[in-house]
Amino acid sequence: ADRLPGAGTMSGVGAVVGATEPRFLARLRELMPRAIFLVPGVGAQGGDAELLGEAFAGAASVLVPASRSIAGSADPGGAAEDLRAAVWAIAPS
């Protein structure tokens, strides 16, 4: 783990924060700056990956599952690539 960038900097606490309620992300990230966020709801449930920027504040760890919108797509590979591009566009480098 000591060879990984940022190893040991994450909290042992995580949070599930719905992508359909992005207005809460800034405050939750402020309260839990090192927590891993699981942010379901992008795609089929109506959440927009482009509105999740606050979840990534400070290069925090974020998981954005979107299995239904990818698996249910006529072009699953394209849907997965679109989501990946949207998330990487808002994530800090």
N, C-alpha and C. Protein backbone atom coordinates (compact mmCIF):
# COMPACT_ATOMS: atom_id res chain seq x y z
N ALA A 1 0.82 -1.20 0.00
CA ALA A 1 0.00 0.00 0.00
C ALA A 1 0.86 1.26 0.00
N ASP A 2 2.07 1.17 0.55
CA ASP A 2 2.90 2.37 0.60
C ASP A 2 3.41 2.78 -0.79
N ARG A 3 3.23 1.92 -1.78
CA ARG A 3 3.64 2.26 -3.14
C ARG A 3 2.53 2.92 -3.95
N LEU A 4 1.34 2.96 -3.41
CA LEU A 4 0.20 3.54 -4.12
C LEU A 4 0.08 5.02 -3.83
N PRO A 5 -0.22 5.84 -4.85
CA PRO A 5 -0.43 7.28 -4.60
C PRO A 5 -1.56 7.49 -3.61
N GLY A 6 -1.33 8.26 -2.59
CA GLY A 6 -2.37 8.57 -1.62
C GLY A 6 -2.67 7.44 -0.65
N ALA A 7 -1.87 6.40 -0.64
CA ALA A 7 -2.13 5.26 0.23
C ALA A 7 -2.19 5.71 1.68
N GLY A 8 -3.14 5.21 2.38
CA GLY A 8 -3.29 5.52 3.78
C GLY A 8 -3.95 6.85 4.07
N THR A 9 -4.39 7.55 3.05
CA THR A 9 -5.00 8.85 3.29
C THR A 9 -6.52 8.79 3.33
N MET A 10 -7.10 7.65 2.96
CA MET A 10 -8.56 7.55 2.99
C MET A 10 -9.05 7.23 4.38
N SER A 11 -10.25 7.66 4.65
CA SER A 11 -10.89 7.39 5.92
C SER A 11 -11.41 5.96 5.94
N GLY A 12 -11.61 5.43 7.13
CA GLY A 12 -12.25 4.13 7.28
C GLY A 12 -13.76 4.24 7.19
N VAL A 13 -14.25 5.45 7.00
CA VAL A 13 -15.68 5.71 6.90
C VAL A 13 -16.02 6.04 5.46
N GLY A 14 -17.14 5.53 4.98
CA GLY A 14 -17.60 5.85 3.64
C GLY A 14 -19.03 6.35 3.72
N ALA A 15 -19.55 6.78 2.59
CA ALA A 15 -20.92 7.28 2.55
C ALA A 15 -21.54 6.95 1.20
N VAL A 16 -22.83 6.65 1.24
CA VAL A 16 -23.60 6.48 0.02
C VAL A 16 -24.39 7.77 -0.17
N VAL A 17 -24.11 8.45 -1.27
CA VAL A 17 -24.72 9.75 -1.55
C VAL A 17 -25.35 9.68 -2.93
N GLY A 18 -26.65 9.79 -3.00
CA GLY A 18 -27.34 9.65 -4.28
C GLY A 18 -26.99 10.73 -5.28
N ALA A 19 -26.72 10.33 -6.50
CA ALA A 19 -26.40 11.28 -7.57
C ALA A 19 -27.61 12.12 -7.94
N THR A 20 -28.79 11.68 -7.53
CA THR A 20 -29.99 12.45 -7.83
C THR A 20 -30.16 13.64 -6.89
N GLU A 21 -29.28 13.75 -5.89
CA GLU A 21 -29.31 14.86 -4.92
C GLU A 21 -27.94 15.53 -4.85
N PRO A 22 -27.41 16.03 -5.96
CA PRO A 22 -26.05 16.57 -5.95
C PRO A 22 -25.87 17.81 -5.08
N ARG A 23 -26.94 18.45 -4.69
CA ARG A 23 -26.81 19.67 -3.87
C ARG A 23 -26.22 19.38 -2.49
N PHE A 24 -26.24 18.13 -2.05
CA PHE A 24 -25.70 17.77 -0.74
C PHE A 24 -24.21 17.42 -0.78
N LEU A 25 -23.66 17.25 -1.96
CA LEU A 25 -22.29 16.76 -2.07
C LEU A 25 -21.25 17.68 -1.45
N ALA A 26 -21.36 18.97 -1.65
CA ALA A 26 -20.35 19.89 -1.11
C ALA A 26 -20.30 19.81 0.41
N ARG A 27 -21.44 19.82 1.06
CA ARG A 27 -21.47 19.78 2.52
C ARG A 27 -20.98 18.43 3.04
N LEU A 28 -21.40 17.35 2.40
CA LEU A 28 -20.95 16.03 2.85
C LEU A 28 -19.45 15.86 2.65
N ARG A 29 -18.91 16.37 1.56
CA ARG A 29 -17.47 16.27 1.34
C ARG A 29 -16.73 17.12 2.37
N GLU A 30 -17.30 18.25 2.74
CA GLU A 30 -16.71 19.10 3.78
C GLU A 30 -16.66 18.34 5.11
N LEU A 31 -17.71 17.62 5.43
CA LEU A 31 -17.78 16.86 6.68
C LEU A 31 -16.91 15.60 6.65
N MET A 32 -16.73 15.04 5.46
CA MET A 32 -15.98 13.78 5.32
C MET A 32 -14.96 13.91 4.19
N PRO A 33 -13.92 14.71 4.38
CA PRO A 33 -12.99 14.98 3.28
C PRO A 33 -12.20 13.77 2.80
N ARG A 34 -12.04 12.76 3.63
CA ARG A 34 -11.24 11.59 3.25
C ARG A 34 -12.07 10.34 3.05
N ALA A 35 -13.38 10.46 3.14
CA ALA A 35 -14.25 9.30 3.01
C ALA A 35 -14.42 8.89 1.55
N ILE A 36 -14.63 7.61 1.34
CA ILE A 36 -14.98 7.11 0.02
C ILE A 36 -16.47 7.33 -0.16
N PHE A 37 -16.85 7.91 -1.28
CA PHE A 37 -18.27 8.11 -1.58
C PHE A 37 -18.70 7.11 -2.65
N LEU A 38 -19.78 6.41 -2.39
CA LEU A 38 -20.46 5.60 -3.39
C LEU A 38 -21.62 6.46 -3.86
N VAL A 39 -21.64 6.80 -5.14
CA VAL A 39 -22.62 7.75 -5.66
C VAL A 39 -23.48 7.07 -6.74
N PRO A 40 -24.49 6.29 -6.29
CA PRO A 40 -25.37 5.63 -7.26
C PRO A 40 -26.42 6.61 -7.80
N GLY A 41 -27.04 6.22 -8.88
CA GLY A 41 -28.15 7.00 -9.40
C GLY A 41 -27.86 7.72 -10.70
N VAL A 42 -26.63 7.59 -11.23
CA VAL A 42 -26.30 8.22 -12.51
C VAL A 42 -26.94 7.40 -13.62
N GLY A 43 -27.52 8.09 -14.57
CA GLY A 43 -28.08 7.40 -15.73
C GLY A 43 -29.54 7.07 -15.57
N ALA A 44 -29.85 5.79 -15.42
CA ALA A 44 -31.23 5.30 -15.41
C ALA A 44 -32.07 5.95 -14.31
N GLN A 45 -31.47 6.30 -13.19
CA GLN A 45 -32.23 6.90 -12.09
C GLN A 45 -32.33 8.42 -12.20
N GLY A 46 -31.68 9.00 -13.19
CA GLY A 46 -31.82 10.43 -13.42
C GLY A 46 -30.67 11.31 -12.96
N GLY A 47 -29.68 10.74 -12.30
CA GLY A 47 -28.53 11.53 -11.87
C GLY A 47 -27.63 11.88 -13.05
N ASP A 48 -26.98 13.02 -12.97
CA ASP A 48 -26.12 13.52 -14.04
C ASP A 48 -24.68 13.55 -13.56
N ALA A 49 -23.81 12.78 -14.19
CA ALA A 49 -22.41 12.72 -13.78
C ALA A 49 -21.75 14.09 -13.78
N GLU A 50 -22.18 14.97 -14.66
CA GLU A 50 -21.57 16.30 -14.75
C GLU A 50 -21.86 17.17 -13.53
N LEU A 51 -22.81 16.76 -12.68
CA LEU A 51 -23.15 17.54 -11.49
C LEU A 51 -22.48 17.00 -10.23
N LEU A 52 -21.56 16.07 -10.38
CA LEU A 52 -20.95 15.41 -9.22
C LEU A 52 -19.60 15.98 -8.83
N GLY A 53 -19.21 17.10 -9.38
CA GLY A 53 -17.90 17.67 -9.12
C GLY A 53 -17.56 17.83 -7.65
N GLU A 54 -18.52 18.21 -6.83
CA GLU A 54 -18.25 18.41 -5.39
C GLU A 54 -17.84 17.12 -4.70
N ALA A 55 -18.27 15.98 -5.21
CA ALA A 55 -17.89 14.71 -4.61
C ALA A 55 -16.39 14.47 -4.74
N PHE A 56 -15.78 15.05 -5.79
CA PHE A 56 -14.37 14.84 -6.07
C PHE A 56 -13.46 15.89 -5.45
N ALA A 57 -14.00 16.79 -4.66
CA ALA A 57 -13.20 17.86 -4.06
C ALA A 57 -11.99 17.29 -3.33
N GLY A 58 -10.84 17.87 -3.58
CA GLY A 58 -9.63 17.42 -2.91
C GLY A 58 -9.13 16.07 -3.38
N ALA A 59 -9.46 15.67 -4.59
CA ALA A 59 -9.03 14.39 -5.17
C ALA A 59 -9.52 13.21 -4.34
N ALA A 60 -10.70 13.32 -3.79
CA ALA A 60 -11.28 12.27 -2.96
C ALA A 60 -11.65 11.05 -3.79
N SER A 61 -11.85 9.93 -3.11
CA SER A 61 -12.22 8.69 -3.77
C SER A 61 -13.72 8.60 -3.95
N VAL A 62 -14.13 8.32 -5.19
CA VAL A 62 -15.55 8.26 -5.52
C VAL A 62 -15.80 7.06 -6.43
N LEU A 63 -16.85 6.31 -6.13
CA LEU A 63 -17.29 5.22 -7.00
C LEU A 63 -18.64 5.62 -7.58
N VAL A 64 -18.76 5.57 -8.90
CA VAL A 64 -19.99 5.97 -9.58
C VAL A 64 -20.53 4.76 -10.34
N PRO A 65 -21.39 3.95 -9.71
CA PRO A 65 -21.96 2.80 -10.42
C PRO A 65 -23.09 3.24 -11.34
N ALA A 66 -23.19 2.60 -12.47
CA ALA A 66 -24.27 2.93 -13.42
C ALA A 66 -24.62 1.69 -14.24
N SER A 67 -24.72 0.56 -13.57
CA SER A 67 -24.88 -0.71 -14.28
C SER A 67 -26.16 -0.78 -15.11
N ARG A 68 -27.27 -0.27 -14.58
CA ARG A 68 -28.52 -0.36 -15.32
C ARG A 68 -28.48 0.46 -16.60
N SER A 69 -27.94 1.66 -16.53
CA SER A 69 -27.89 2.50 -17.73
C SER A 69 -26.90 1.96 -18.76
N ILE A 70 -25.90 1.22 -18.32
CA ILE A 70 -24.95 0.62 -19.26
C ILE A 70 -25.50 -0.68 -19.83
N ALA A 71 -25.93 -1.59 -18.95
CA ALA A 71 -26.43 -2.89 -19.40
C ALA A 71 -27.70 -2.77 -20.24
N GLY A 72 -28.53 -1.77 -19.95
CA GLY A 72 -29.78 -1.60 -20.67
C GLY A 72 -29.65 -0.79 -21.94
N SER A 73 -28.46 -0.35 -22.25
CA SER A 73 -28.24 0.48 -23.43
C SER A 73 -28.16 -0.38 -24.69
N ALA A 74 -28.57 0.18 -25.82
CA ALA A 74 -28.41 -0.50 -27.10
C ALA A 74 -26.93 -0.67 -27.44
N ASP A 75 -26.09 0.20 -26.88
CA ASP A 75 -24.64 0.15 -27.09
C ASP A 75 -23.95 0.23 -25.72
N PRO A 76 -23.87 -0.91 -24.99
CA PRO A 76 -23.29 -0.88 -23.65
C PRO A 76 -21.85 -0.34 -23.61
N GLY A 77 -21.05 -0.69 -24.59
CA GLY A 77 -19.67 -0.20 -24.62
C GLY A 77 -19.62 1.31 -24.77
N GLY A 78 -20.47 1.83 -25.63
CA GLY A 78 -20.54 3.28 -25.82
C GLY A 78 -21.06 3.99 -24.59
N ALA A 79 -22.06 3.38 -23.93
CA ALA A 79 -22.62 3.98 -22.71
C ALA A 79 -21.57 4.01 -21.60
N ALA A 80 -20.80 2.93 -21.47
CA ALA A 80 -19.74 2.88 -20.46
C ALA A 80 -18.67 3.93 -20.76
N GLU A 81 -18.30 4.06 -22.01
CA GLU A 81 -17.29 5.05 -22.39
C GLU A 81 -17.79 6.47 -22.15
N ASP A 82 -19.06 6.73 -22.45
CA ASP A 82 -19.63 8.05 -22.20
C ASP A 82 -19.59 8.40 -20.72
N LEU A 83 -19.94 7.43 -19.86
CA LEU A 83 -19.91 7.67 -18.42
C LEU A 83 -18.47 7.89 -17.95
N ARG A 84 -17.56 7.05 -18.43
CA ARG A 84 -16.16 7.21 -18.04
C ARG A 84 -15.65 8.61 -18.41
N ALA A 85 -15.97 9.04 -19.61
CA ALA A 85 -15.52 10.36 -20.06
C ALA A 85 -16.14 11.47 -19.22
N ALA A 86 -17.41 11.34 -18.87
CA ALA A 86 -18.09 12.36 -18.07
C ALA A 86 -17.48 12.45 -16.67
N VAL A 87 -17.20 11.30 -16.07
CA VAL A 87 -16.62 11.29 -14.72
C VAL A 87 -15.19 11.82 -14.74
N TRP A 88 -14.39 11.40 -15.70
CA TRP A 88 -13.01 11.88 -15.78
C TRP A 88 -12.95 13.37 -16.09
N ALA A 89 -13.95 13.89 -16.76
CA ALA A 89 -13.97 15.32 -17.08
C ALA A 89 -14.13 16.19 -15.84
N ILE A 90 -14.77 15.66 -14.80
CA ILE A 90 -14.97 16.45 -13.59
C ILE A 90 -14.01 16.09 -12.47
N ALA A 91 -13.35 14.94 -12.58
CA ALA A 91 -12.42 14.50 -11.53
C ALA A 91 -11.13 15.30 -11.62
N PRO A 92 -10.56 15.66 -10.47
CA PRO A 92 -9.28 16.38 -10.50
C PRO A 92 -8.18 15.48 -11.04
N SER A 93 -7.20 16.08 -11.68
CA SER A 93 -6.11 15.28 -12.25
C SER A 93 -5.00 15.07 -11.27
